[in-house]
Amino acid sequence: MMTRFRAGLAAVAVAGALLVPIAAASDAAAASCARHTTGVCKANSPHPRGATAKCNDDTYSYSAHARGTCSHHRGVKYWYR
């Protein structure tokens, strides 16, 4: 009886371990940068909430549109969406 329980528990653990990478891959695919942007996309990297870009002078931009983003900060270094 205990052997069956352990085997069942092991099967659930293995199945769970196999499903985690699939869920992580789905989240990575959902977070992507806009097609119109130039520069490096870092959509999944840590950044302040609401930031859309990191400027070349290491400040963050929260601009709603790509045009003019980081214009007074030597341009865009990374896009976050």
N, C-alpha and C. Protein backbone atom coordinates (compact mmCIF):
# COMPACT_ATOMS: atom_id res chain seq x y z
N MET A 1 0.82 -1.19 0.00
CA MET A 1 0.00 0.00 0.00
C MET A 1 0.87 1.26 0.00
N MET A 2 1.86 1.30 0.89
CA MET A 2 2.72 2.47 0.97
C MET A 2 3.56 2.63 -0.30
N THR A 3 3.94 1.53 -0.92
CA THR A 3 4.73 1.59 -2.15
C THR A 3 3.91 2.22 -3.27
N ARG A 4 2.62 1.87 -3.38
CA ARG A 4 1.76 2.47 -4.40
C ARG A 4 1.60 3.97 -4.17
N PHE A 5 1.45 4.34 -2.91
CA PHE A 5 1.31 5.75 -2.57
C PHE A 5 2.56 6.53 -2.98
N ARG A 6 3.71 6.00 -2.66
CA ARG A 6 4.98 6.64 -3.01
C ARG A 6 5.15 6.72 -4.52
N ALA A 7 4.77 5.66 -5.24
CA ALA A 7 4.87 5.66 -6.69
C ALA A 7 3.94 6.71 -7.30
N GLY A 8 2.75 6.82 -6.75
CA GLY A 8 1.80 7.83 -7.23
C GLY A 8 2.29 9.24 -6.96
N LEU A 9 2.84 9.43 -5.78
CA LEU A 9 3.39 10.74 -5.41
C LEU A 9 4.56 11.11 -6.32
N ALA A 10 5.41 10.15 -6.61
CA ALA A 10 6.54 10.39 -7.50
C ALA A 10 6.05 10.74 -8.90
N ALA A 11 5.02 10.08 -9.38
CA ALA A 11 4.48 10.35 -10.71
C ALA A 11 3.92 11.77 -10.78
N VAL A 12 3.24 12.20 -9.74
CA VAL A 12 2.70 13.57 -9.71
C VAL A 12 3.84 14.58 -9.70
N ALA A 13 4.89 14.32 -8.94
CA ALA A 13 6.03 15.23 -8.88
C ALA A 13 6.72 15.34 -10.23
N VAL A 14 6.89 14.25 -10.91
CA VAL A 14 7.54 14.26 -12.23
C VAL A 14 6.67 15.01 -13.23
N ALA A 15 5.37 14.75 -13.22
CA ALA A 15 4.46 15.44 -14.14
C ALA A 15 4.48 16.95 -13.88
N GLY A 16 4.50 17.34 -12.63
CA GLY A 16 4.56 18.77 -12.29
C GLY A 16 5.85 19.40 -12.75
N ALA A 17 6.96 18.69 -12.61
CA ALA A 17 8.26 19.21 -13.04
C ALA A 17 8.31 19.38 -14.56
N LEU A 18 7.61 18.52 -15.27
CA LEU A 18 7.59 18.62 -16.73
C LEU A 18 6.71 19.76 -17.21
N LEU A 19 5.68 20.12 -16.46
CA LEU A 19 4.77 21.18 -16.87
C LEU A 19 5.30 22.57 -16.58
N VAL A 20 6.17 22.73 -15.61
CA VAL A 20 6.69 24.05 -15.24
C VAL A 20 7.41 24.73 -16.41
N PRO A 21 8.32 24.07 -17.14
CA PRO A 21 8.97 24.75 -18.25
C PRO A 21 8.00 25.18 -19.35
N ILE A 22 6.92 24.45 -19.54
CA ILE A 22 5.93 24.83 -20.56
C ILE A 22 5.25 26.13 -20.15
N ALA A 23 4.89 26.26 -18.89
CA ALA A 23 4.25 27.48 -18.41
C ALA A 23 5.21 28.66 -18.49
N ALA A 24 6.47 28.46 -18.16
CA ALA A 24 7.45 29.54 -18.24
C ALA A 24 7.67 29.97 -19.68
N ALA A 25 7.68 29.03 -20.60
CA ALA A 25 7.86 29.37 -22.01
C ALA A 25 6.67 30.18 -22.53
N SER A 26 5.47 29.88 -22.06
CA SER A 26 4.28 30.62 -22.48
C SER A 26 4.36 32.06 -22.01
N ASP A 27 4.81 32.28 -20.76
CA ASP A 27 4.95 33.64 -20.24
C ASP A 27 6.00 34.41 -21.03
N ALA A 28 7.10 33.75 -21.39
CA ALA A 28 8.15 34.41 -22.14
C ALA A 28 7.66 34.82 -23.52
N ALA A 29 6.85 33.99 -24.13
CA ALA A 29 6.32 34.31 -25.46
C ALA A 29 5.33 35.46 -25.38
N ALA A 30 4.59 35.57 -24.28
CA ALA A 30 3.60 36.62 -24.14
C ALA A 30 4.26 37.98 -23.96
N ALA A 31 5.39 38.04 -23.28
CA ALA A 31 6.09 39.30 -23.07
C ALA A 31 7.06 39.51 -24.22
N SER A 32 6.73 40.42 -25.10
CA SER A 32 7.60 40.67 -26.24
C SER A 32 7.59 42.15 -26.55
N CYS A 33 8.56 42.58 -27.32
CA CYS A 33 8.66 43.98 -27.69
C CYS A 33 7.88 44.24 -28.97
N ALA A 34 7.49 45.46 -29.15
CA ALA A 34 6.75 45.85 -30.35
C ALA A 34 7.61 45.69 -31.60
N ARG A 35 6.99 45.37 -32.71
CA ARG A 35 7.73 45.16 -33.96
C ARG A 35 8.41 46.42 -34.46
N HIS A 36 7.83 47.59 -34.19
CA HIS A 36 8.35 48.83 -34.75
C HIS A 36 9.59 49.36 -34.03
N THR A 37 9.97 48.75 -32.93
CA THR A 37 11.07 49.28 -32.14
C THR A 37 12.43 48.88 -32.72
N THR A 38 13.40 49.72 -32.49
CA THR A 38 14.77 49.40 -32.83
C THR A 38 15.54 49.27 -31.54
N GLY A 39 16.62 48.57 -31.55
CA GLY A 39 17.38 48.36 -30.33
C GLY A 39 17.13 46.98 -29.79
N VAL A 40 17.63 46.72 -28.60
CA VAL A 40 17.57 45.41 -27.98
C VAL A 40 16.29 45.27 -27.17
N CYS A 41 15.59 44.16 -27.35
CA CYS A 41 14.38 43.87 -26.58
C CYS A 41 14.75 43.13 -25.30
N LYS A 42 14.33 43.64 -24.17
CA LYS A 42 14.58 42.99 -22.88
C LYS A 42 13.26 42.91 -22.11
N ALA A 43 12.24 42.39 -22.77
CA ALA A 43 10.90 42.38 -22.18
C ALA A 43 10.83 41.61 -20.87
N ASN A 44 11.62 40.58 -20.69
CA ASN A 44 11.53 39.77 -19.48
C ASN A 44 12.54 40.13 -18.41
N SER A 45 13.34 41.17 -18.64
CA SER A 45 14.32 41.55 -17.63
C SER A 45 13.67 42.40 -16.55
N PRO A 46 14.24 42.42 -15.35
CA PRO A 46 13.64 43.22 -14.27
C PRO A 46 13.76 44.71 -14.57
N HIS A 47 12.67 45.43 -14.35
CA HIS A 47 12.64 46.87 -14.56
C HIS A 47 11.50 47.45 -13.73
N PRO A 48 11.52 48.76 -13.50
CA PRO A 48 10.46 49.38 -12.69
C PRO A 48 9.09 49.19 -13.34
N ARG A 49 8.08 49.05 -12.53
CA ARG A 49 6.72 48.86 -13.01
C ARG A 49 6.30 50.03 -13.90
N GLY A 50 5.83 49.73 -15.09
CA GLY A 50 5.35 50.75 -16.01
C GLY A 50 6.41 51.29 -16.96
N ALA A 51 7.67 50.98 -16.73
CA ALA A 51 8.72 51.48 -17.62
C ALA A 51 8.61 50.80 -18.98
N THR A 52 8.73 51.57 -20.04
CA THR A 52 8.65 51.02 -21.38
C THR A 52 10.02 50.92 -22.04
N ALA A 53 10.99 51.66 -21.52
CA ALA A 53 12.33 51.63 -22.12
C ALA A 53 13.37 52.08 -21.10
N LYS A 54 14.61 51.67 -21.34
CA LYS A 54 15.75 52.18 -20.57
C LYS A 54 16.57 53.01 -21.54
N CYS A 55 16.88 54.22 -21.14
CA CYS A 55 17.63 55.13 -22.01
C CYS A 55 19.13 54.86 -21.92
N ASN A 56 19.87 55.40 -22.87
CA ASN A 56 21.32 55.19 -22.92
C ASN A 56 22.05 55.82 -21.74
N ASP A 57 21.42 56.78 -21.07
CA ASP A 57 22.05 57.36 -19.87
C ASP A 57 21.58 56.67 -18.59
N ASP A 58 21.00 55.47 -18.73
CA ASP A 58 20.54 54.61 -17.64
C ASP A 58 19.34 55.16 -16.86
N THR A 59 18.58 56.08 -17.44
CA THR A 59 17.31 56.49 -16.87
C THR A 59 16.21 55.66 -17.53
N TYR A 60 15.02 55.64 -16.92
CA TYR A 60 13.91 54.86 -17.45
C TYR A 60 12.89 55.78 -18.09
N SER A 61 12.25 55.30 -19.14
CA SER A 61 11.19 56.05 -19.80
C SER A 61 9.86 55.36 -19.57
N TYR A 62 8.83 56.14 -19.36
CA TYR A 62 7.48 55.62 -19.14
C TYR A 62 6.56 56.12 -20.25
N SER A 63 7.13 56.45 -21.39
CA SER A 63 6.37 57.04 -22.47
C SER A 63 5.36 56.06 -23.06
N ALA A 64 4.21 56.59 -23.45
CA ALA A 64 3.13 55.75 -23.99
C ALA A 64 3.38 55.40 -25.45
N HIS A 65 4.18 56.19 -26.15
CA HIS A 65 4.44 55.98 -27.57
C HIS A 65 5.94 55.91 -27.82
N ALA A 66 6.34 55.21 -28.85
CA ALA A 66 7.76 55.02 -29.14
C ALA A 66 8.43 56.30 -29.65
N ARG A 67 7.69 57.11 -30.37
CA ARG A 67 8.27 58.31 -30.96
C ARG A 67 8.72 59.29 -29.88
N GLY A 68 9.96 59.65 -29.92
CA GLY A 68 10.50 60.60 -28.97
C GLY A 68 10.97 60.01 -27.65
N THR A 69 10.82 58.71 -27.49
CA THR A 69 11.25 58.08 -26.24
C THR A 69 12.75 58.26 -26.06
N CYS A 70 13.16 58.74 -24.91
CA CYS A 70 14.57 58.96 -24.56
C CYS A 70 15.26 59.97 -25.48
N SER A 71 14.50 60.86 -26.08
CA SER A 71 15.10 61.79 -27.04
C SER A 71 16.12 62.74 -26.40
N HIS A 72 15.96 63.06 -25.16
CA HIS A 72 16.93 63.93 -24.47
C HIS A 72 17.85 63.14 -23.56
N HIS A 73 17.91 61.83 -23.78
CA HIS A 73 18.75 60.95 -22.97
C HIS A 73 19.62 60.06 -23.83
N ARG A 74 20.02 60.54 -24.99
CA ARG A 74 20.90 59.84 -25.94
C ARG A 74 20.28 58.59 -26.56
N GLY A 75 18.97 58.51 -26.61
CA GLY A 75 18.28 57.41 -27.28
C GLY A 75 17.97 56.23 -26.38
N VAL A 76 17.34 55.20 -26.99
CA VAL A 76 16.89 54.02 -26.25
C VAL A 76 17.98 52.96 -26.24
N LYS A 77 18.23 52.43 -25.05
CA LYS A 77 19.18 51.34 -24.88
C LYS A 77 18.44 50.00 -24.97
N TYR A 78 17.35 49.85 -24.20
CA TYR A 78 16.54 48.63 -24.19
C TYR A 78 15.06 48.99 -24.21
N TRP A 79 14.29 48.18 -24.91
CA TRP A 79 12.82 48.28 -24.88
C TRP A 79 12.29 47.22 -23.93
N TYR A 80 11.27 47.54 -23.19
CA TYR A 80 10.64 46.58 -22.29
C TYR A 80 9.28 46.09 -22.78
N ARG A 81 8.69 46.71 -23.80
CA ARG A 81 7.49 46.19 -24.43
C ARG A 81 7.49 46.53 -25.88
